[in-house]
Amino acid sequence: MTKSTRRQRMPEKSPSLDKNIGYLLRKAYQRNMVLYQQYSPHPELTAVQAAALIALKDHSPCSFAELGRMAAMDPATTRGVVDRMRKRKLVKTEPGLEDKREVIIHLEAEGQRLVDLLGPASAQICDATMEGLSSAEKVALEFLLRKICGDESA
């Protein structure tokens, strides 16, 4: 490797955290999780479990795969989340009617009760997360995050 080749591969500036999108997203996520813990209607309900319950609110019953897609969880996470919620009687599971290997998830009464509490809490968390942003900045942030995530509605 020649001296000129090495120069071409070297970045012009050393990396800076304040310009790193991953770092900034992680900081925003950490702030959001602190606010989630502050406003959560149940101290043992994780943010991922809350997302699963909210997804089930409108789509119960559904399969593991459907819940995973709706709540943006991989299969292993979906299984763990559902198992923990099942133990707490927030959801119940049963084999599929046509394919017994498929597992169908149903929202239970206690899960529905938590979903009803999550609506106001979710609004508080979103408002607190975006505190200090103008209305236009809030719309822009949501649009850009959807676009980064590959959401076709962006």
N, C-alpha and C. Protein backbone atom coordinates (compact mmCIF):
# COMPACT_ATOMS: atom_id res chain seq x y z
N MET A 1 0.85 -1.17 0.00
CA MET A 1 0.00 0.00 0.00
C MET A 1 0.90 1.24 0.00
N THR A 2 0.65 2.16 -0.91
CA THR A 2 1.48 3.36 -1.00
C THR A 2 0.98 4.41 -0.04
N LYS A 3 1.80 5.40 0.18
CA LYS A 3 1.46 6.49 1.09
C LYS A 3 0.22 7.24 0.60
N SER A 4 0.08 7.42 -0.70
CA SER A 4 -1.08 8.14 -1.24
C SER A 4 -2.36 7.31 -1.08
N THR A 5 -2.27 5.96 -1.17
CA THR A 5 -3.43 5.10 -0.98
C THR A 5 -3.92 5.19 0.46
N ARG A 6 -2.98 5.20 1.41
CA ARG A 6 -3.37 5.31 2.82
C ARG A 6 -4.09 6.62 3.08
N ARG A 7 -3.64 7.67 2.49
CA ARG A 7 -4.28 8.97 2.69
C ARG A 7 -5.71 8.98 2.18
N GLN A 8 -5.96 8.29 1.08
CA GLN A 8 -7.31 8.26 0.51
C GLN A 8 -8.28 7.52 1.44
N ARG A 9 -7.83 6.54 2.17
CA ARG A 9 -8.70 5.75 3.04
C ARG A 9 -8.91 6.40 4.41
N MET A 10 -8.06 7.28 4.80
CA MET A 10 -8.17 7.92 6.12
C MET A 10 -9.27 8.99 6.08
N PRO A 11 -10.13 9.02 7.08
CA PRO A 11 -11.13 10.08 7.11
C PRO A 11 -10.46 11.43 7.32
N GLU A 12 -11.07 12.46 6.76
CA GLU A 12 -10.48 13.80 6.88
C GLU A 12 -10.49 14.29 8.32
N LYS A 13 -11.55 13.99 9.05
CA LYS A 13 -11.65 14.41 10.44
C LYS A 13 -11.89 13.19 11.30
N SER A 14 -11.52 13.28 12.55
CA SER A 14 -11.84 12.18 13.44
C SER A 14 -13.33 12.23 13.75
N PRO A 15 -13.94 11.06 14.03
CA PRO A 15 -15.38 11.05 14.28
C PRO A 15 -15.76 11.86 15.52
N SER A 16 -16.94 12.44 15.45
CA SER A 16 -17.44 13.25 16.55
C SER A 16 -18.80 12.71 16.97
N LEU A 17 -18.98 12.45 18.26
CA LEU A 17 -20.24 11.90 18.73
C LEU A 17 -21.41 12.84 18.46
N ASP A 18 -21.19 14.13 18.59
CA ASP A 18 -22.31 15.06 18.43
C ASP A 18 -22.82 15.13 16.99
N LYS A 19 -22.10 14.52 16.05
CA LYS A 19 -22.54 14.46 14.65
C LYS A 19 -22.98 13.04 14.26
N ASN A 20 -22.90 12.10 15.19
CA ASN A 20 -23.20 10.69 14.91
C ASN A 20 -24.68 10.44 15.14
N ILE A 21 -25.41 10.07 14.09
CA ILE A 21 -26.86 9.89 14.18
C ILE A 21 -27.22 8.77 15.15
N GLY A 22 -26.45 7.70 15.17
CA GLY A 22 -26.72 6.59 16.09
C GLY A 22 -26.62 7.03 17.54
N TYR A 23 -25.61 7.81 17.84
CA TYR A 23 -25.42 8.34 19.19
C TYR A 23 -26.60 9.25 19.57
N LEU A 24 -26.99 10.13 18.66
CA LEU A 24 -28.10 11.05 18.94
C LEU A 24 -29.42 10.30 19.11
N LEU A 25 -29.66 9.30 18.27
CA LEU A 25 -30.87 8.49 18.41
C LEU A 25 -30.86 7.75 19.74
N ARG A 26 -29.71 7.22 20.13
CA ARG A 26 -29.61 6.51 21.41
C ARG A 26 -29.88 7.44 22.58
N LYS A 27 -29.34 8.67 22.52
CA LYS A 27 -29.60 9.64 23.59
C LYS A 27 -31.08 10.00 23.66
N ALA A 28 -31.70 10.20 22.51
CA ALA A 28 -33.14 10.51 22.48
C ALA A 28 -33.94 9.34 23.03
N TYR A 29 -33.55 8.11 22.66
CA TYR A 29 -34.24 6.92 23.15
C TYR A 29 -34.08 6.79 24.67
N GLN A 30 -32.89 7.03 25.17
CA GLN A 30 -32.66 6.97 26.62
C GLN A 30 -33.54 7.98 27.34
N ARG A 31 -33.64 9.17 26.80
CA ARG A 31 -34.51 10.20 27.41
C ARG A 31 -35.96 9.74 27.39
N ASN A 32 -36.39 9.16 26.28
CA ASN A 32 -37.75 8.66 26.16
C ASN A 32 -38.01 7.54 27.17
N MET A 33 -37.04 6.67 27.40
CA MET A 33 -37.22 5.56 28.35
C MET A 33 -37.30 6.07 29.79
N VAL A 34 -36.55 7.10 30.12
CA VAL A 34 -36.66 7.71 31.46
C VAL A 34 -38.06 8.27 31.64
N LEU A 35 -38.56 8.94 30.63
CA LEU A 35 -39.92 9.50 30.69
C LEU A 35 -40.96 8.39 30.72
N TYR A 36 -40.71 7.28 30.00
CA TYR A 36 -41.63 6.15 30.04
C TYR A 36 -41.73 5.62 31.47
N GLN A 37 -40.61 5.45 32.14
CA GLN A 37 -40.63 4.95 33.52
C GLN A 37 -41.35 5.93 34.44
N GLN A 38 -41.21 7.20 34.19
CA GLN A 38 -41.85 8.23 35.01
C GLN A 38 -43.37 8.21 34.86
N TYR A 39 -43.86 8.04 33.64
CA TYR A 39 -45.30 8.14 33.37
C TYR A 39 -46.01 6.80 33.18
N SER A 40 -45.29 5.72 33.22
CA SER A 40 -45.89 4.41 32.97
C SER A 40 -47.00 4.11 33.97
N PRO A 41 -48.13 3.57 33.49
CA PRO A 41 -49.23 3.26 34.40
C PRO A 41 -48.97 2.03 35.27
N HIS A 42 -47.92 1.29 34.97
CA HIS A 42 -47.61 0.09 35.77
C HIS A 42 -46.09 -0.03 35.85
N PRO A 43 -45.53 -0.12 37.05
CA PRO A 43 -44.07 -0.11 37.19
C PRO A 43 -43.36 -1.30 36.56
N GLU A 44 -44.06 -2.42 36.37
CA GLU A 44 -43.42 -3.61 35.81
C GLU A 44 -43.65 -3.76 34.30
N LEU A 45 -44.39 -2.84 33.71
CA LEU A 45 -44.68 -2.91 32.28
C LEU A 45 -43.58 -2.21 31.50
N THR A 46 -42.87 -2.97 30.66
CA THR A 46 -41.80 -2.37 29.87
C THR A 46 -42.39 -1.64 28.65
N ALA A 47 -41.60 -0.81 28.05
CA ALA A 47 -42.05 -0.07 26.87
C ALA A 47 -42.38 -1.03 25.72
N VAL A 48 -41.62 -2.12 25.59
CA VAL A 48 -41.88 -3.09 24.53
C VAL A 48 -43.19 -3.82 24.80
N GLN A 49 -43.44 -4.18 26.06
CA GLN A 49 -44.71 -4.81 26.42
C GLN A 49 -45.87 -3.86 26.15
N ALA A 50 -45.68 -2.57 26.47
CA ALA A 50 -46.72 -1.58 26.21
C ALA A 50 -47.01 -1.50 24.71
N ALA A 51 -45.98 -1.51 23.89
CA ALA A 51 -46.18 -1.48 22.43
C ALA A 51 -46.96 -2.71 21.98
N ALA A 52 -46.63 -3.86 22.54
CA ALA A 52 -47.34 -5.09 22.17
C ALA A 52 -48.81 -5.01 22.59
N LEU A 53 -49.08 -4.52 23.78
CA LEU A 53 -50.47 -4.40 24.24
C LEU A 53 -51.25 -3.43 23.36
N ILE A 54 -50.62 -2.32 23.00
CA ILE A 54 -51.30 -1.33 22.15
C ILE A 54 -51.59 -1.94 20.78
N ALA A 55 -50.64 -2.71 20.25
CA ALA A 55 -50.86 -3.38 18.96
C ALA A 55 -52.01 -4.38 19.07
N LEU A 56 -52.07 -5.10 20.18
CA LEU A 56 -53.13 -6.08 20.38
C LEU A 56 -54.50 -5.43 20.57
N LYS A 57 -54.52 -4.21 21.05
CA LYS A 57 -55.78 -3.51 21.29
C LYS A 57 -56.67 -3.54 20.04
N ASP A 58 -56.08 -3.26 18.91
CA ASP A 58 -56.85 -3.19 17.66
C ASP A 58 -56.77 -4.46 16.82
N HIS A 59 -55.89 -5.39 17.19
CA HIS A 59 -55.65 -6.55 16.33
C HIS A 59 -55.69 -7.88 17.07
N SER A 60 -56.38 -7.92 18.20
CA SER A 60 -56.50 -9.18 18.93
C SER A 60 -57.74 -9.92 18.46
N PRO A 61 -57.65 -11.19 18.21
CA PRO A 61 -56.47 -12.05 18.29
C PRO A 61 -55.59 -11.92 17.05
N CYS A 62 -54.31 -12.28 17.25
CA CYS A 62 -53.37 -12.29 16.12
C CYS A 62 -52.28 -13.31 16.40
N SER A 63 -51.49 -13.60 15.39
CA SER A 63 -50.40 -14.57 15.54
C SER A 63 -49.15 -13.88 16.09
N PHE A 64 -48.19 -14.70 16.52
CA PHE A 64 -46.90 -14.17 16.97
C PHE A 64 -46.27 -13.32 15.87
N ALA A 65 -46.28 -13.83 14.65
CA ALA A 65 -45.64 -13.11 13.54
C ALA A 65 -46.30 -11.76 13.31
N GLU A 66 -47.63 -11.73 13.35
CA GLU A 66 -48.35 -10.46 13.16
C GLU A 66 -48.02 -9.47 14.27
N LEU A 67 -48.01 -9.95 15.52
CA LEU A 67 -47.69 -9.06 16.64
C LEU A 67 -46.27 -8.53 16.50
N GLY A 68 -45.34 -9.39 16.14
CA GLY A 68 -43.96 -8.96 15.95
C GLY A 68 -43.83 -7.86 14.91
N ARG A 69 -44.54 -8.01 13.80
CA ARG A 69 -44.49 -6.97 12.75
C ARG A 69 -45.11 -5.66 13.25
N MET A 70 -46.26 -5.76 13.90
CA MET A 70 -46.96 -4.55 14.36
C MET A 70 -46.17 -3.79 15.41
N ALA A 71 -45.49 -4.51 16.31
CA ALA A 71 -44.77 -3.87 17.42
C ALA A 71 -43.27 -3.78 17.17
N ALA A 72 -42.83 -4.09 15.95
CA ALA A 72 -41.41 -4.00 15.55
C ALA A 72 -40.51 -4.83 16.47
N MET A 73 -40.87 -6.13 16.62
CA MET A 73 -40.07 -7.04 17.44
C MET A 73 -39.63 -8.23 16.60
N ASP A 74 -38.43 -8.71 16.86
CA ASP A 74 -37.97 -9.94 16.21
C ASP A 74 -38.67 -11.13 16.87
N PRO A 75 -38.64 -12.31 16.23
CA PRO A 75 -39.36 -13.46 16.78
C PRO A 75 -38.99 -13.84 18.23
N ALA A 76 -37.71 -13.82 18.56
CA ALA A 76 -37.30 -14.19 19.92
C ALA A 76 -37.84 -13.19 20.94
N THR A 77 -37.76 -11.91 20.62
CA THR A 77 -38.29 -10.88 21.52
C THR A 77 -39.80 -11.03 21.67
N THR A 78 -40.49 -11.27 20.56
CA THR A 78 -41.94 -11.43 20.60
C THR A 78 -42.31 -12.59 21.53
N ARG A 79 -41.63 -13.71 21.39
CA ARG A 79 -41.92 -14.87 22.24
C ARG A 79 -41.70 -14.53 23.71
N GLY A 80 -40.59 -13.88 24.03
CA GLY A 80 -40.30 -13.53 25.42
C GLY A 80 -41.31 -12.55 25.99
N VAL A 81 -41.66 -11.54 25.20
CA VAL A 81 -42.64 -10.54 25.64
C VAL A 81 -44.00 -11.20 25.89
N VAL A 82 -44.44 -12.03 24.96
CA VAL A 82 -45.74 -12.70 25.11
C VAL A 82 -45.71 -13.64 26.31
N ASP A 83 -44.63 -14.38 26.50
CA ASP A 83 -44.54 -15.29 27.65
C ASP A 83 -44.65 -14.53 28.97
N ARG A 84 -43.96 -13.40 29.07
CA ARG A 84 -44.03 -12.61 30.31
C ARG A 84 -45.42 -12.02 30.51
N MET A 85 -46.04 -11.55 29.43
CA MET A 85 -47.40 -10.99 29.56
C MET A 85 -48.42 -12.09 29.87
N ARG A 86 -48.19 -13.28 29.34
CA ARG A 86 -49.10 -14.40 29.62
C ARG A 86 -49.03 -14.78 31.10
N LYS A 87 -47.83 -14.81 31.66
CA LYS A 87 -47.67 -15.13 33.08
C LYS A 87 -48.36 -14.11 33.98
N ARG A 88 -48.46 -12.88 33.51
CA ARG A 88 -49.12 -11.82 34.28
C ARG A 88 -50.61 -11.70 33.93
N LYS A 89 -51.10 -12.63 33.11
CA LYS A 89 -52.52 -12.69 32.71
C LYS A 89 -52.98 -11.45 31.92
N LEU A 90 -52.04 -10.87 31.16
CA LEU A 90 -52.38 -9.74 30.29
C LEU A 90 -52.86 -10.25 28.93
N VAL A 91 -52.35 -11.41 28.53
CA VAL A 91 -52.75 -12.04 27.27
C VAL A 91 -52.92 -13.54 27.52
N LYS A 92 -53.61 -14.19 26.61
CA LYS A 92 -53.66 -15.65 26.62
C LYS A 92 -53.28 -16.12 25.23
N THR A 93 -52.78 -17.34 25.15
CA THR A 93 -52.39 -17.91 23.87
C THR A 93 -53.11 -19.23 23.68
N GLU A 94 -53.29 -19.57 22.41
CA GLU A 94 -53.90 -20.86 22.05
C GLU A 94 -53.39 -21.25 20.68
N PRO A 95 -53.45 -22.53 20.37
CA PRO A 95 -53.02 -22.98 19.04
C PRO A 95 -53.96 -22.43 17.96
N GLY A 96 -53.42 -22.24 16.78
CA GLY A 96 -54.23 -21.80 15.65
C GLY A 96 -55.27 -22.85 15.29
N LEU A 97 -56.37 -22.43 14.70
CA LEU A 97 -57.43 -23.35 14.33
C LEU A 97 -57.02 -24.27 13.18
N GLU A 98 -56.40 -23.69 12.16
CA GLU A 98 -56.03 -24.46 10.98
C GLU A 98 -54.65 -25.08 11.10
N ASP A 99 -53.74 -24.36 11.71
CA ASP A 99 -52.37 -24.84 11.87
C ASP A 99 -52.06 -24.84 13.37
N LYS A 100 -52.00 -26.00 13.96
CA LYS A 100 -51.78 -26.12 15.41
C LYS A 100 -50.39 -25.65 15.83
N ARG A 101 -49.47 -25.50 14.88
CA ARG A 101 -48.14 -24.98 15.21
C ARG A 101 -48.19 -23.48 15.42
N GLU A 102 -49.17 -22.82 14.82
CA GLU A 102 -49.32 -21.38 14.96
C GLU A 102 -49.87 -21.08 16.35
N VAL A 103 -49.39 -19.99 16.95
CA VAL A 103 -49.88 -19.58 18.26
C VAL A 103 -50.64 -18.27 18.08
N ILE A 104 -51.86 -18.25 18.59
CA ILE A 104 -52.72 -17.07 18.50
C ILE A 104 -52.74 -16.38 19.86
N ILE A 105 -52.60 -15.07 19.84
CA ILE A 105 -52.54 -14.27 21.07
C ILE A 105 -53.83 -13.47 21.21
N HIS A 106 -54.41 -13.52 22.40
CA HIS A 106 -55.63 -12.77 22.71
C HIS A 106 -55.33 -11.80 23.86
N LEU A 107 -55.86 -10.61 23.78
CA LEU A 107 -55.76 -9.64 24.87
C LEU A 107 -56.76 -10.02 25.95
N GLU A 108 -56.29 -10.14 27.20
CA GLU A 108 -57.16 -10.47 28.34
C GLU A 108 -57.69 -9.19 28.97
N ALA A 109 -58.63 -9.31 29.88
CA ALA A 109 -59.27 -8.15 30.53
C ALA A 109 -58.24 -7.27 31.24
N GLU A 110 -57.28 -7.87 31.93
CA GLU A 110 -56.25 -7.08 32.63
C GLU A 110 -55.36 -6.36 31.62
N GLY A 111 -55.08 -7.00 30.50
CA GLY A 111 -54.31 -6.35 29.44
C GLY A 111 -55.08 -5.17 28.86
N GLN A 112 -56.38 -5.35 28.66
CA GLN A 112 -57.22 -4.25 28.16
C GLN A 112 -57.25 -3.10 29.16
N ARG A 113 -57.30 -3.42 30.46
CA ARG A 113 -57.29 -2.37 31.49
C ARG A 113 -56.00 -1.54 31.39
N LEU A 114 -54.88 -2.22 31.19
CA LEU A 114 -53.61 -1.50 31.05
C LEU A 114 -53.57 -0.68 29.77
N VAL A 115 -54.12 -1.22 28.68
CA VAL A 115 -54.17 -0.47 27.42
C VAL A 115 -54.96 0.82 27.62
N ASP A 116 -56.06 0.75 28.37
CA ASP A 116 -56.87 1.94 28.63
C ASP A 116 -56.08 3.00 29.39
N LEU A 117 -55.18 2.57 30.26
CA LEU A 117 -54.33 3.50 31.01
C LEU A 117 -53.17 4.01 30.16
N LEU A 118 -52.76 3.20 29.19
CA LEU A 118 -51.60 3.56 28.36
C LEU A 118 -51.88 4.75 27.44
N GLY A 119 -53.13 4.94 27.03
CA GLY A 119 -53.45 6.05 26.13
C GLY A 119 -53.00 7.40 26.69
N PRO A 120 -53.50 7.79 27.87
CA PRO A 120 -53.07 9.06 28.46
C PRO A 120 -51.58 9.08 28.79
N ALA A 121 -51.06 7.96 29.28
CA ALA A 121 -49.63 7.91 29.62
C ALA A 121 -48.78 8.08 28.37
N SER A 122 -49.17 7.45 27.27
CA SER A 122 -48.43 7.56 26.01
C SER A 122 -48.39 9.01 25.53
N ALA A 123 -49.52 9.69 25.65
CA ALA A 123 -49.57 11.10 25.24
C ALA A 123 -48.62 11.94 26.10
N GLN A 124 -48.60 11.67 27.41
CA GLN A 124 -47.69 12.41 28.30
C GLN A 124 -46.24 12.14 27.93
N ILE A 125 -45.92 10.89 27.65
CA ILE A 125 -44.55 10.52 27.31
C ILE A 125 -44.12 11.20 26.01
N CYS A 126 -45.00 11.18 25.01
CA CYS A 126 -44.68 11.82 23.72
C CYS A 126 -44.50 13.33 23.91
N ASP A 127 -45.41 13.94 24.64
CA ASP A 127 -45.32 15.39 24.88
C ASP A 127 -44.03 15.74 25.61
N ALA A 128 -43.70 14.98 26.64
CA ALA A 128 -42.49 15.27 27.42
C ALA A 128 -41.23 15.00 26.60
N THR A 129 -41.26 13.97 25.76
CA THR A 129 -40.10 13.66 24.92
C THR A 129 -39.82 14.80 23.95
N MET A 130 -40.88 15.40 23.41
CA MET A 130 -40.71 16.45 22.40
C MET A 130 -40.85 17.86 22.98
N GLU A 131 -40.81 17.93 24.31
CA GLU A 131 -40.90 19.24 24.96
C GLU A 131 -39.81 20.16 24.43
N GLY A 132 -40.17 21.37 24.15
CA GLY A 132 -39.21 22.34 23.62
C GLY A 132 -39.20 22.42 22.10
N LEU A 133 -39.89 21.51 21.43
CA LEU A 133 -39.98 21.56 19.98
C LEU A 133 -41.23 22.32 19.56
N SER A 134 -41.14 23.04 18.49
CA SER A 134 -42.32 23.72 17.94
C SER A 134 -43.22 22.66 17.29
N SER A 135 -44.44 23.05 16.97
CA SER A 135 -45.36 22.12 16.30
C SER A 135 -44.77 21.64 14.98
N ALA A 136 -44.17 22.53 14.23
CA ALA A 136 -43.56 22.16 12.95
C ALA A 136 -42.40 21.20 13.17
N GLU A 137 -41.59 21.42 14.20
CA GLU A 137 -40.46 20.52 14.48
C GLU A 137 -40.96 19.13 14.89
N LYS A 138 -42.05 19.08 15.64
CA LYS A 138 -42.62 17.78 16.03
C LYS A 138 -43.06 16.99 14.81
N VAL A 139 -43.75 17.66 13.89
CA VAL A 139 -44.20 17.01 12.65
C VAL A 139 -42.99 16.57 11.84
N ALA A 140 -41.98 17.43 11.74
CA ALA A 140 -40.78 17.10 10.98
C ALA A 140 -40.04 15.92 11.60
N LEU A 141 -39.92 15.91 12.92
CA LEU A 141 -39.24 14.81 13.60
C LEU A 141 -39.94 13.48 13.32
N GLU A 142 -41.25 13.47 13.47
CA GLU A 142 -41.99 12.24 13.22
C GLU A 142 -41.83 11.80 11.76
N PHE A 143 -41.92 12.74 10.84
CA PHE A 143 -41.76 12.43 9.42
C PHE A 143 -40.38 11.83 9.15
N LEU A 144 -39.34 12.47 9.69
CA LEU A 144 -37.97 12.01 9.44
C LEU A 144 -37.71 10.64 10.08
N LEU A 145 -38.22 10.43 11.28
CA LEU A 145 -38.04 9.12 11.92
C LEU A 145 -38.74 8.02 11.12
N ARG A 146 -39.95 8.33 10.64
CA ARG A 146 -40.65 7.35 9.78
C ARG A 146 -39.85 7.06 8.52
N LYS A 147 -39.27 8.09 7.94
CA LYS A 147 -38.49 7.92 6.73
C LYS A 147 -37.23 7.08 7.00
N ILE A 148 -36.56 7.35 8.09
CA ILE A 148 -35.37 6.57 8.47
C ILE A 148 -35.75 5.10 8.68
N CYS A 149 -36.92 4.87 9.25
CA CYS A 149 -37.38 3.49 9.52
C CYS A 149 -37.91 2.80 8.29
N GLY A 150 -38.00 3.51 7.17
CA GLY A 150 -38.49 2.91 5.94
C GLY A 150 -40.00 2.82 5.89
N ASP A 151 -40.68 3.62 6.69
CA ASP A 151 -42.14 3.64 6.71
C ASP A 151 -42.63 4.32 5.44
N GLU A 152 -43.46 3.61 4.70
CA GLU A 152 -43.92 4.14 3.42
C GLU A 152 -44.91 5.29 3.58
N SER A 153 -45.42 5.53 4.79
CA SER A 153 -46.34 6.64 4.99
C SER A 153 -45.60 7.96 5.17
N ALA A 154 -44.26 7.91 5.18
CA ALA A 154 -43.47 9.14 5.36
C ALA A 154 -43.47 9.96 4.08
